[in-house]
Every structure is written in C-alpha cells, then in structure tokens.
Amino acid sequence: LGRLADGWLRTRLLAICISFWSVST
C-alpha cells in the first residue's frame, strides 16, 4: 500500500482504506 501511495491518487487510496477498516471495525 505504501508503493501504491507512491504511484496512485493518495486521496482515493486513503478514502478506500478508511472505508475498508471502518467496515471491518
């Protein structure tokens, strides 16, 4: 995910990941 942050849209990556961990919580 760190490598993805270096190449993709970090705003979208953060949005997707916080959605994923919120649903997991």
mmCIF file of all heavy atoms, coordinates in Angstrom:
data_MODEL
# 
_entry.id   MODEL 
# 
loop_
_atom_site.group_PDB 
_atom_site.id 
_atom_site.type_symbol 
_atom_site.label_atom_id 
_atom_site.label_alt_id 
_atom_site.label_comp_id 
_atom_site.label_asym_id 
_atom_site.label_entity_id 
_atom_site.label_seq_id 
_atom_site.pdbx_PDB_ins_code 
_atom_site.Cartn_x 
_atom_site.Cartn_y 
_atom_site.Cartn_z 
_atom_site.occupancy 
_atom_site.B_iso_or_equiv 
_atom_site.pdbx_formal_charge 
_atom_site.auth_seq_id 
_atom_site.auth_comp_id 
_atom_site.auth_asym_id 
_atom_site.auth_atom_id 
_atom_site.pdbx_PDB_model_num 
ATOM 1   N N   . LEU A 1 1  ? 0.830   -1.203 0.000  1.00 0.00 ? 1  LEU A N   1 
ATOM 2   C CA  . LEU A 1 1  ? 0.000   0.000  0.000  1.00 0.00 ? 1  LEU A CA  1 
ATOM 3   C C   . LEU A 1 1  ? 0.868   1.258  0.000  1.00 0.00 ? 1  LEU A C   1 
ATOM 4   O O   . LEU A 1 1  ? 0.481   2.291  -0.554 1.00 0.00 ? 1  LEU A O   1 
ATOM 5   C CB  . LEU A 1 1  ? -0.939  -0.016 1.205  1.00 0.00 ? 1  LEU A CB  1 
ATOM 6   C CG  . LEU A 1 1  ? -2.052  -1.067 1.132  1.00 0.00 ? 1  LEU A CG  1 
ATOM 7   C CD1 . LEU A 1 1  ? -2.872  -1.094 2.416  1.00 0.00 ? 1  LEU A CD1 1 
ATOM 8   C CD2 . LEU A 1 1  ? -2.965  -0.809 -0.068 1.00 0.00 ? 1  LEU A CD2 1 
ATOM 9   N N   . GLY A 1 2  ? 2.052   1.164  0.614  1.00 0.00 ? 2  GLY A N   1 
ATOM 10  C CA  . GLY A 1 2  ? 2.991   2.279  0.533  1.00 0.00 ? 2  GLY A CA  1 
ATOM 11  C C   . GLY A 1 2  ? 3.465   2.497  -0.891 1.00 0.00 ? 2  GLY A C   1 
ATOM 12  O O   . GLY A 1 2  ? 3.594   3.635  -1.354 1.00 0.00 ? 2  GLY A O   1 
ATOM 13  N N   . ARG A 1 3  ? 3.716   1.404  -1.603 1.00 0.00 ? 3  ARG A N   1 
ATOM 14  C CA  . ARG A 1 3  ? 4.111   1.514  -3.018 1.00 0.00 ? 3  ARG A CA  1 
ATOM 15  C C   . ARG A 1 3  ? 2.971   2.085  -3.847 1.00 0.00 ? 3  ARG A C   1 
ATOM 16  O O   . ARG A 1 3  ? 3.199   2.909  -4.753 1.00 0.00 ? 3  ARG A O   1 
ATOM 17  C CB  . ARG A 1 3  ? 4.528   0.133  -3.551 1.00 0.00 ? 3  ARG A CB  1 
ATOM 18  C CG  . ARG A 1 3  ? 4.862   0.125  -5.054 1.00 0.00 ? 3  ARG A CG  1 
ATOM 19  C CD  . ARG A 1 3  ? 6.008   1.069  -5.379 1.00 0.00 ? 3  ARG A CD  1 
ATOM 20  N NE  . ARG A 1 3  ? 6.283   1.141  -6.803 1.00 0.00 ? 3  ARG A NE  1 
ATOM 21  C CZ  . ARG A 1 3  ? 5.669   1.956  -7.655 1.00 0.00 ? 3  ARG A CZ  1 
ATOM 22  N NH1 . ARG A 1 3  ? 4.727   2.802  -7.216 1.00 0.00 ? 3  ARG A NH1 1 
ATOM 23  N NH2 . ARG A 1 3  ? 6.001   1.971  -8.927 1.00 0.00 ? 3  ARG A NH2 1 
ATOM 24  N N   . LEU A 1 4  ? 1.743   1.693  -3.541 1.00 0.00 ? 4  LEU A N   1 
ATOM 25  C CA  . LEU A 1 4  ? 0.596   2.225  -4.263 1.00 0.00 ? 4  LEU A CA  1 
ATOM 26  C C   . LEU A 1 4  ? 0.449   3.724  -3.983 1.00 0.00 ? 4  LEU A C   1 
ATOM 27  O O   . LEU A 1 4  ? 0.101   4.495  -4.891 1.00 0.00 ? 4  LEU A O   1 
ATOM 28  C CB  . LEU A 1 4  ? -0.675  1.482  -3.847 1.00 0.00 ? 4  LEU A CB  1 
ATOM 29  C CG  . LEU A 1 4  ? -1.949  1.793  -4.629 1.00 0.00 ? 4  LEU A CG  1 
ATOM 30  C CD1 . LEU A 1 4  ? -1.757  1.502  -6.113 1.00 0.00 ? 4  LEU A CD1 1 
ATOM 31  C CD2 . LEU A 1 4  ? -3.127  0.983  -4.088 1.00 0.00 ? 4  LEU A CD2 1 
ATOM 32  N N   . ALA A 1 5  ? 0.748   4.147  -2.767 1.00 0.00 ? 5  ALA A N   1 
ATOM 33  C CA  . ALA A 1 5  ? 0.692   5.569  -2.424 1.00 0.00 ? 5  ALA A CA  1 
ATOM 34  C C   . ALA A 1 5  ? 1.720   6.373  -3.208 1.00 0.00 ? 5  ALA A C   1 
ATOM 35  O O   . ALA A 1 5  ? 1.528   7.573  -3.439 1.00 0.00 ? 5  ALA A O   1 
ATOM 36  C CB  . ALA A 1 5  ? 0.917   5.761  -0.927 1.00 0.00 ? 5  ALA A CB  1 
ATOM 37  N N   . ASP A 1 6  ? 2.806   5.731  -3.629 1.00 0.00 ? 6  ASP A N   1 
ATOM 38  C CA  . ASP A 1 6  ? 3.839   6.422  -4.404 1.00 0.00 ? 6  ASP A CA  1 
ATOM 39  C C   . ASP A 1 6  ? 3.495   6.547  -5.882 1.00 0.00 ? 6  ASP A C   1 
ATOM 40  O O   . ASP A 1 6  ? 4.197   7.252  -6.612 1.00 0.00 ? 6  ASP A O   1 
ATOM 41  C CB  . ASP A 1 6  ? 5.177   5.680  -4.275 1.00 0.00 ? 6  ASP A CB  1 
ATOM 42  C CG  . ASP A 1 6  ? 5.864   5.971  -2.952 1.00 0.00 ? 6  ASP A CG  1 
ATOM 43  O OD1 . ASP A 1 6  ? 5.595   7.032  -2.367 1.00 0.00 ? 6  ASP A OD1 1 
ATOM 44  O OD2 . ASP A 1 6  ? 6.661   5.129  -2.508 1.00 0.00 ? 6  ASP A OD2 1 
ATOM 45  N N   . GLY A 1 7  ? 2.441   5.848  -6.320 1.00 0.00 ? 7  GLY A N   1 
ATOM 46  C CA  . GLY A 1 7  ? 2.138   5.889  -7.748 1.00 0.00 ? 7  GLY A CA  1 
ATOM 47  C C   . GLY A 1 7  ? 0.721   6.248  -8.106 1.00 0.00 ? 7  GLY A C   1 
ATOM 48  O O   . GLY A 1 7  ? 0.441   6.611  -9.251 1.00 0.00 ? 7  GLY A O   1 
ATOM 49  N N   . TRP A 1 8  ? -0.204  6.133  -7.149 1.00 0.00 ? 8  TRP A N   1 
ATOM 50  C CA  . TRP A 1 8  ? -1.617  6.378  -7.447 1.00 0.00 ? 8  TRP A CA  1 
ATOM 51  C C   . TRP A 1 8  ? -2.109  7.602  -6.690 1.00 0.00 ? 8  TRP A C   1 
ATOM 52  O O   . TRP A 1 8  ? -1.332  8.303  -6.042 1.00 0.00 ? 8  TRP A O   1 
ATOM 53  C CB  . TRP A 1 8  ? -2.437  5.136  -7.081 1.00 0.00 ? 8  TRP A CB  1 
ATOM 54  C CG  . TRP A 1 8  ? -3.829  5.132  -7.661 1.00 0.00 ? 8  TRP A CG  1 
ATOM 55  C CD1 . TRP A 1 8  ? -4.183  5.363  -8.955 1.00 0.00 ? 8  TRP A CD1 1 
ATOM 56  C CD2 . TRP A 1 8  ? -5.045  4.898  -6.940 1.00 0.00 ? 8  TRP A CD2 1 
ATOM 57  N NE1 . TRP A 1 8  ? -5.555  5.275  -9.099 1.00 0.00 ? 8  TRP A NE1 1 
ATOM 58  C CE2 . TRP A 1 8  ? -6.106  4.998  -7.867 1.00 0.00 ? 8  TRP A CE2 1 
ATOM 59  C CE3 . TRP A 1 8  ? -5.335  4.618  -5.606 1.00 0.00 ? 8  TRP A CE3 1 
ATOM 60  C CZ2 . TRP A 1 8  ? -7.443  4.810  -7.503 1.00 0.00 ? 8  TRP A CZ2 1 
ATOM 61  C CZ3 . TRP A 1 8  ? -6.656  4.436  -5.240 1.00 0.00 ? 8  TRP A CZ3 1 
ATOM 62  C CH2 . TRP A 1 8  ? -7.693  4.529  -6.182 1.00 0.00 ? 8  TRP A CH2 1 
ATOM 63  N N   . LEU A 1 9  ? -3.414  7.872  -6.780 1.00 0.00 ? 9  LEU A N   1 
ATOM 64  C CA  . LEU A 1 9  ? -4.011  9.018  -6.101 1.00 0.00 ? 9  LEU A CA  1 
ATOM 65  C C   . LEU A 1 9  ? -4.114  8.728  -4.606 1.00 0.00 ? 9  LEU A C   1 
ATOM 66  O O   . LEU A 1 9  ? -4.854  7.843  -4.177 1.00 0.00 ? 9  LEU A O   1 
ATOM 67  C CB  . LEU A 1 9  ? -5.403  9.298  -6.676 1.00 0.00 ? 9  LEU A CB  1 
ATOM 68  C CG  . LEU A 1 9  ? -5.461  9.631  -8.168 1.00 0.00 ? 9  LEU A CG  1 
ATOM 69  C CD1 . LEU A 1 9  ? -6.913  9.739  -8.631 1.00 0.00 ? 9  LEU A CD1 1 
ATOM 70  C CD2 . LEU A 1 9  ? -4.727  10.929 -8.451 1.00 0.00 ? 9  LEU A CD2 1 
ATOM 71  N N   . ARG A 1 10 ? -3.378  9.479  -3.813 1.00 0.00 ? 10 ARG A N   1 
ATOM 72  C CA  . ARG A 1 10 ? -3.358  9.215  -2.366 1.00 0.00 ? 10 ARG A CA  1 
ATOM 73  C C   . ARG A 1 10 ? -4.678  9.555  -1.706 1.00 0.00 ? 10 ARG A C   1 
ATOM 74  O O   . ARG A 1 10 ? -5.073  8.918  -0.713 1.00 0.00 ? 10 ARG A O   1 
ATOM 75  C CB  . ARG A 1 10 ? -2.212  10.004 -1.733 1.00 0.00 ? 10 ARG A CB  1 
ATOM 76  C CG  . ARG A 1 10 ? -0.854  9.503  -2.172 1.00 0.00 ? 10 ARG A CG  1 
ATOM 77  C CD  . ARG A 1 10 ? 0.207   10.568 -2.050 1.00 0.00 ? 10 ARG A CD  1 
ATOM 78  N NE  . ARG A 1 10 ? 0.006   11.660 -2.997 1.00 0.00 ? 10 ARG A NE  1 
ATOM 79  C CZ  . ARG A 1 10 ? 0.838   12.687 -3.150 1.00 0.00 ? 10 ARG A CZ  1 
ATOM 80  N NH1 . ARG A 1 10 ? 1.925   12.751 -2.409 1.00 0.00 ? 10 ARG A NH1 1 
ATOM 81  N NH2 . ARG A 1 10 ? 0.591   13.631 -4.039 1.00 0.00 ? 10 ARG A NH2 1 
ATOM 82  N N   . THR A 1 11 ? -5.390  10.557 -2.234 1.00 0.00 ? 11 THR A N   1 
ATOM 83  C CA  . THR A 1 11 ? -6.698  10.905 -1.679 1.00 0.00 ? 11 THR A CA  1 
ATOM 84  C C   . THR A 1 11 ? -7.666  9.742  -1.841 1.00 0.00 ? 11 THR A C   1 
ATOM 85  O O   . THR A 1 11 ? -8.415  9.401  -0.918 1.00 0.00 ? 11 THR A O   1 
ATOM 86  C CB  . THR A 1 11 ? -7.251  12.146 -2.379 1.00 0.00 ? 11 THR A CB  1 
ATOM 87  O OG1 . THR A 1 11 ? -7.228  11.934 -3.807 1.00 0.00 ? 11 THR A OG1 1 
ATOM 88  C CG2 . THR A 1 11 ? -6.413  13.377 -2.051 1.00 0.00 ? 11 THR A CG2 1 
ATOM 89  N N   . ARG A 1 12 ? -7.663  9.119  -3.015 1.00 0.00 ? 12 ARG A N   1 
ATOM 90  C CA  . ARG A 1 12 ? -8.558  7.978  -3.255 1.00 0.00 ? 12 ARG A CA  1 
ATOM 91  C C   . ARG A 1 12 ? -8.131  6.763  -2.428 1.00 0.00 ? 12 ARG A C   1 
ATOM 92  O O   . ARG A 1 12 ? -8.969  6.024  -1.909 1.00 0.00 ? 12 ARG A O   1 
ATOM 93  C CB  . ARG A 1 12 ? -8.551  7.622  -4.749 1.00 0.00 ? 12 ARG A CB  1 
ATOM 94  C CG  . ARG A 1 12 ? -9.016  8.766  -5.654 1.00 0.00 ? 12 ARG A CG  1 
ATOM 95  C CD  . ARG A 1 12 ? -10.510 9.025  -5.499 1.00 0.00 ? 12 ARG A CD  1 
ATOM 96  N NE  . ARG A 1 12 ? -10.956 10.208 -6.197 1.00 0.00 ? 12 ARG A NE  1 
ATOM 97  C CZ  . ARG A 1 12 ? -11.333 10.236 -7.483 1.00 0.00 ? 12 ARG A CZ  1 
ATOM 98  N NH1 . ARG A 1 12 ? -11.273 9.135  -8.204 1.00 0.00 ? 12 ARG A NH1 1 
ATOM 99  N NH2 . ARG A 1 12 ? -11.764 11.357 -8.026 1.00 0.00 ? 12 ARG A NH2 1 
ATOM 100 N N   . LEU A 1 13 ? -6.835  6.546  -2.330 1.00 0.00 ? 13 LEU A N   1 
ATOM 101 C CA  . LEU A 1 13 ? -6.335  5.410  -1.554 1.00 0.00 ? 13 LEU A CA  1 
ATOM 102 C C   . LEU A 1 13 ? -6.742  5.537  -0.088 1.00 0.00 ? 13 LEU A C   1 
ATOM 103 O O   . LEU A 1 13 ? -7.208  4.564  0.528  1.00 0.00 ? 13 LEU A O   1 
ATOM 104 C CB  . LEU A 1 13 ? -4.814  5.323  -1.678 1.00 0.00 ? 13 LEU A CB  1 
ATOM 105 C CG  . LEU A 1 13 ? -4.126  4.215  -0.872 1.00 0.00 ? 13 LEU A CG  1 
ATOM 106 C CD1 . LEU A 1 13 ? -4.647  2.833  -1.273 1.00 0.00 ? 13 LEU A CD1 1 
ATOM 107 C CD2 . LEU A 1 13 ? -2.609  4.286  -1.061 1.00 0.00 ? 13 LEU A CD2 1 
ATOM 108 N N   . LEU A 1 14 ? -6.583  6.734  0.478  1.00 0.00 ? 14 LEU A N   1 
ATOM 109 C CA  . LEU A 1 14 ? -6.990  6.937  1.860  1.00 0.00 ? 14 LEU A CA  1 
ATOM 110 C C   . LEU A 1 14 ? -8.490  6.741  2.036  1.00 0.00 ? 14 LEU A C   1 
ATOM 111 O O   . LEU A 1 14 ? -8.944  6.130  3.017  1.00 0.00 ? 14 LEU A O   1 
ATOM 112 C CB  . LEU A 1 14 ? -6.594  8.343  2.322  1.00 0.00 ? 14 LEU A CB  1 
ATOM 113 C CG  . LEU A 1 14 ? -5.116  8.561  2.649  1.00 0.00 ? 14 LEU A CG  1 
ATOM 114 C CD1 . LEU A 1 14 ? -4.824  10.050 2.857  1.00 0.00 ? 14 LEU A CD1 1 
ATOM 115 C CD2 . LEU A 1 14 ? -4.724  7.785  3.892  1.00 0.00 ? 14 LEU A CD2 1 
ATOM 116 N N   . ALA A 1 15 ? -9.275  7.238  1.087  1.00 0.00 ? 15 ALA A N   1 
ATOM 117 C CA  . ALA A 1 15 ? -10.727 7.091  1.173  1.00 0.00 ? 15 ALA A CA  1 
ATOM 118 C C   . ALA A 1 15 ? -11.136 5.617  1.155  1.00 0.00 ? 15 ALA A C   1 
ATOM 119 O O   . ALA A 1 15 ? -11.983 5.176  1.946  1.00 0.00 ? 15 ALA A O   1 
ATOM 120 C CB  . ALA A 1 15 ? -11.400 7.849  0.021  1.00 0.00 ? 15 ALA A CB  1 
ATOM 121 N N   . ILE A 1 16 ? -10.532 4.853  0.255  1.00 0.00 ? 16 ILE A N   1 
ATOM 122 C CA  . ILE A 1 16 ? -10.865 3.427  0.162  1.00 0.00 ? 16 ILE A CA  1 
ATOM 123 C C   . ILE A 1 16 ? -10.434 2.688  1.418  1.00 0.00 ? 16 ILE A C   1 
ATOM 124 O O   . ILE A 1 16 ? -11.186 1.870  1.973  1.00 0.00 ? 16 ILE A O   1 
ATOM 125 C CB  . ILE A 1 16 ? -10.203 2.812  -1.091 1.00 0.00 ? 16 ILE A CB  1 
ATOM 126 C CG1 . ILE A 1 16 ? -10.841 3.380  -2.359 1.00 0.00 ? 16 ILE A CG1 1 
ATOM 127 C CG2 . ILE A 1 16 ? -10.318 1.286  -1.075 1.00 0.00 ? 16 ILE A CG2 1 
ATOM 128 C CD1 . ILE A 1 16 ? -10.100 3.024  -3.636 1.00 0.00 ? 16 ILE A CD1 1 
ATOM 129 N N   . CYS A 1 17 ? -9.242  2.973  1.900  1.00 0.00 ? 17 CYS A N   1 
ATOM 130 C CA  . CYS A 1 17 ? -8.712  2.239  3.050  1.00 0.00 ? 17 CYS A CA  1 
ATOM 131 C C   . CYS A 1 17 ? -9.454  2.566  4.335  1.00 0.00 ? 17 CYS A C   1 
ATOM 132 O O   . CYS A 1 17 ? -9.719  1.671  5.144  1.00 0.00 ? 17 CYS A O   1 
ATOM 133 C CB  . CYS A 1 17 ? -7.222  2.502  3.206  1.00 0.00 ? 17 CYS A CB  1 
ATOM 134 S SG  . CYS A 1 17 ? -6.223  1.631  1.979  1.00 0.00 ? 17 CYS A SG  1 
ATOM 135 N N   . ILE A 1 18 ? -9.833  3.845  4.524  1.00 0.00 ? 18 ILE A N   1 
ATOM 136 C CA  . ILE A 1 18 ? -10.573 4.164  5.744  1.00 0.00 ? 18 ILE A CA  1 
ATOM 137 C C   . ILE A 1 18 ? -11.973 3.556  5.690  1.00 0.00 ? 18 ILE A C   1 
ATOM 138 O O   . ILE A 1 18 ? -12.518 3.120  6.718  1.00 0.00 ? 18 ILE A O   1 
ATOM 139 C CB  . ILE A 1 18 ? -10.635 5.687  6.000  1.00 0.00 ? 18 ILE A CB  1 
ATOM 140 C CG1 . ILE A 1 18 ? -11.110 5.951  7.435  1.00 0.00 ? 18 ILE A CG1 1 
ATOM 141 C CG2 . ILE A 1 18 ? -11.536 6.388  5.015  1.00 0.00 ? 18 ILE A CG2 1 
ATOM 142 C CD1 . ILE A 1 18 ? -11.047 7.398  7.851  1.00 0.00 ? 18 ILE A CD1 1 
ATOM 143 N N   . SER A 1 19 ? -12.555 3.453  4.506  1.00 0.00 ? 19 SER A N   1 
ATOM 144 C CA  . SER A 1 19 ? -13.841 2.768  4.368  1.00 0.00 ? 19 SER A CA  1 
ATOM 145 C C   . SER A 1 19 ? -13.694 1.291  4.722  1.00 0.00 ? 19 SER A C   1 
ATOM 146 O O   . SER A 1 19 ? -14.531 0.715  5.436  1.00 0.00 ? 19 SER A O   1 
ATOM 147 C CB  . SER A 1 19 ? -14.376 2.911  2.944  1.00 0.00 ? 19 SER A CB  1 
ATOM 148 O OG  . SER A 1 19 ? -14.590 4.265  2.612  1.00 0.00 ? 19 SER A OG  1 
ATOM 149 N N   . PHE A 1 20 ? -12.599 0.690  4.255  1.00 0.00 ? 20 PHE A N   1 
ATOM 150 C CA  . PHE A 1 20 ? -12.371 -0.737 4.494  1.00 0.00 ? 20 PHE A CA  1 
ATOM 151 C C   . PHE A 1 20 ? -12.178 -1.024 5.980  1.00 0.00 ? 20 PHE A C   1 
ATOM 152 O O   . PHE A 1 20 ? -12.777 -1.944 6.536  1.00 0.00 ? 20 PHE A O   1 
ATOM 153 C CB  . PHE A 1 20 ? -11.138 -1.194 3.703  1.00 0.00 ? 20 PHE A CB  1 
ATOM 154 C CG  . PHE A 1 20 ? -10.877 -2.672 3.767  1.00 0.00 ? 20 PHE A CG  1 
ATOM 155 C CD1 . PHE A 1 20 ? -11.573 -3.546 2.945  1.00 0.00 ? 20 PHE A CD1 1 
ATOM 156 C CD2 . PHE A 1 20 ? -9.943  -3.185 4.648  1.00 0.00 ? 20 PHE A CD2 1 
ATOM 157 C CE1 . PHE A 1 20 ? -11.344 -4.910 2.997  1.00 0.00 ? 20 PHE A CE1 1 
ATOM 158 C CE2 . PHE A 1 20 ? -9.693  -4.544 4.707  1.00 0.00 ? 20 PHE A CE2 1 
ATOM 159 C CZ  . PHE A 1 20 ? -10.394 -5.415 3.881  1.00 0.00 ? 20 PHE A CZ  1 
ATOM 160 N N   . TRP A 1 21 ? -11.346 -0.211 6.660  1.00 0.00 ? 21 TRP A N   1 
ATOM 161 C CA  . TRP A 1 21 ? -11.117 -0.527 8.071  1.00 0.00 ? 21 TRP A CA  1 
ATOM 162 C C   . TRP A 1 21 ? -12.319 -0.128 8.932  1.00 0.00 ? 21 TRP A C   1 
ATOM 163 O O   . TRP A 1 21 ? -12.552 -0.737 9.983  1.00 0.00 ? 21 TRP A O   1 
ATOM 164 C CB  . TRP A 1 21 ? -9.813  0.056  8.575  1.00 0.00 ? 21 TRP A CB  1 
ATOM 165 C CG  . TRP A 1 21 ? -9.796  1.405  9.210  1.00 0.00 ? 21 TRP A CG  1 
ATOM 166 C CD1 . TRP A 1 21 ? -10.502 1.822  10.313 1.00 0.00 ? 21 TRP A CD1 1 
ATOM 167 C CD2 . TRP A 1 21 ? -8.976  2.528  8.839  1.00 0.00 ? 21 TRP A CD2 1 
ATOM 168 N NE1 . TRP A 1 21 ? -10.191 3.122  10.623 1.00 0.00 ? 21 TRP A NE1 1 
ATOM 169 C CE2 . TRP A 1 21 ? -9.252  3.575  9.760  1.00 0.00 ? 21 TRP A CE2 1 
ATOM 170 C CE3 . TRP A 1 21 ? -8.027  2.734  7.850  1.00 0.00 ? 21 TRP A CE3 1 
ATOM 171 C CZ2 . TRP A 1 21 ? -8.630  4.816  9.679  1.00 0.00 ? 21 TRP A CZ2 1 
ATOM 172 C CZ3 . TRP A 1 21 ? -7.405  3.971  7.782  1.00 0.00 ? 21 TRP A CZ3 1 
ATOM 173 C CH2 . TRP A 1 21 ? -7.705  4.997  8.673  1.00 0.00 ? 21 TRP A CH2 1 
ATOM 174 N N   . SER A 1 22 ? -13.115 0.855  8.495  1.00 0.00 ? 22 SER A N   1 
ATOM 175 C CA  . SER A 1 22 ? -14.319 1.208  9.248  1.00 0.00 ? 22 SER A CA  1 
ATOM 176 C C   . SER A 1 22 ? -15.353 0.090  9.167  1.00 0.00 ? 22 SER A C   1 
ATOM 177 O O   . SER A 1 22 ? -15.984 -0.264 10.178 1.00 0.00 ? 22 SER A O   1 
ATOM 178 C CB  . SER A 1 22 ? -14.910 2.519  8.727  1.00 0.00 ? 22 SER A CB  1 
ATOM 179 O OG  . SER A 1 22 ? -14.014 3.593  8.934  1.00 0.00 ? 22 SER A OG  1 
ATOM 180 N N   . VAL A 1 23 ? -15.523 -0.466 7.983  1.00 0.00 ? 23 VAL A N   1 
ATOM 181 C CA  . VAL A 1 23 ? -16.439 -1.604 7.834  1.00 0.00 ? 23 VAL A CA  1 
ATOM 182 C C   . VAL A 1 23 ? -15.923 -2.798 8.641  1.00 0.00 ? 23 VAL A C   1 
ATOM 183 O O   . VAL A 1 23 ? -16.702 -3.529 9.265  1.00 0.00 ? 23 VAL A O   1 
ATOM 184 C CB  . VAL A 1 23 ? -16.598 -1.971 6.343  1.00 0.00 ? 23 VAL A CB  1 
ATOM 185 C CG1 . VAL A 1 23 ? -17.352 -3.290 6.182  1.00 0.00 ? 23 VAL A CG1 1 
ATOM 186 C CG2 . VAL A 1 23 ? -17.323 -0.857 5.600  1.00 0.00 ? 23 VAL A CG2 1 
ATOM 187 N N   . SER A 1 24 ? -14.602 -2.996 8.647  1.00 0.00 ? 24 SER A N   1 
ATOM 188 C CA  . SER A 1 24 ? -14.020 -4.092 9.425  1.00 0.00 ? 24 SER A CA  1 
ATOM 189 C C   . SER A 1 24 ? -14.244 -3.888 10.920 1.00 0.00 ? 24 SER A C   1 
ATOM 190 O O   . SER A 1 24 ? -14.523 -4.848 11.653 1.00 0.00 ? 24 SER A O   1 
ATOM 191 C CB  . SER A 1 24 ? -12.514 -4.209 9.132  1.00 0.00 ? 24 SER A CB  1 
ATOM 192 O OG  . SER A 1 24 ? -12.284 -4.527 7.779  1.00 0.00 ? 24 SER A OG  1 
ATOM 193 N N   . THR A 1 25 ? -14.128 -2.646 11.383 1.00 0.00 ? 25 THR A N   1 
ATOM 194 C CA  . THR A 1 25 ? -14.415 -2.352 12.789 1.00 0.00 ? 25 THR A CA  1 
ATOM 195 C C   . THR A 1 25 ? -15.880 -2.626 13.099 1.00 0.00 ? 25 THR A C   1 
ATOM 196 O O   . THR A 1 25 ? -16.215 -3.205 14.150 1.00 0.00 ? 25 THR A O   1 
ATOM 197 C CB  . THR A 1 25 ? -14.076 -0.879 13.109 1.00 0.00 ? 25 THR A CB  1 
ATOM 198 O OG1 . THR A 1 25 ? -12.697 -0.645 12.825 1.00 0.00 ? 25 THR A OG1 1 
ATOM 199 C CG2 . THR A 1 25 ? -14.362 -0.558 14.563 1.00 0.00 ? 25 THR A CG2 1 
# 
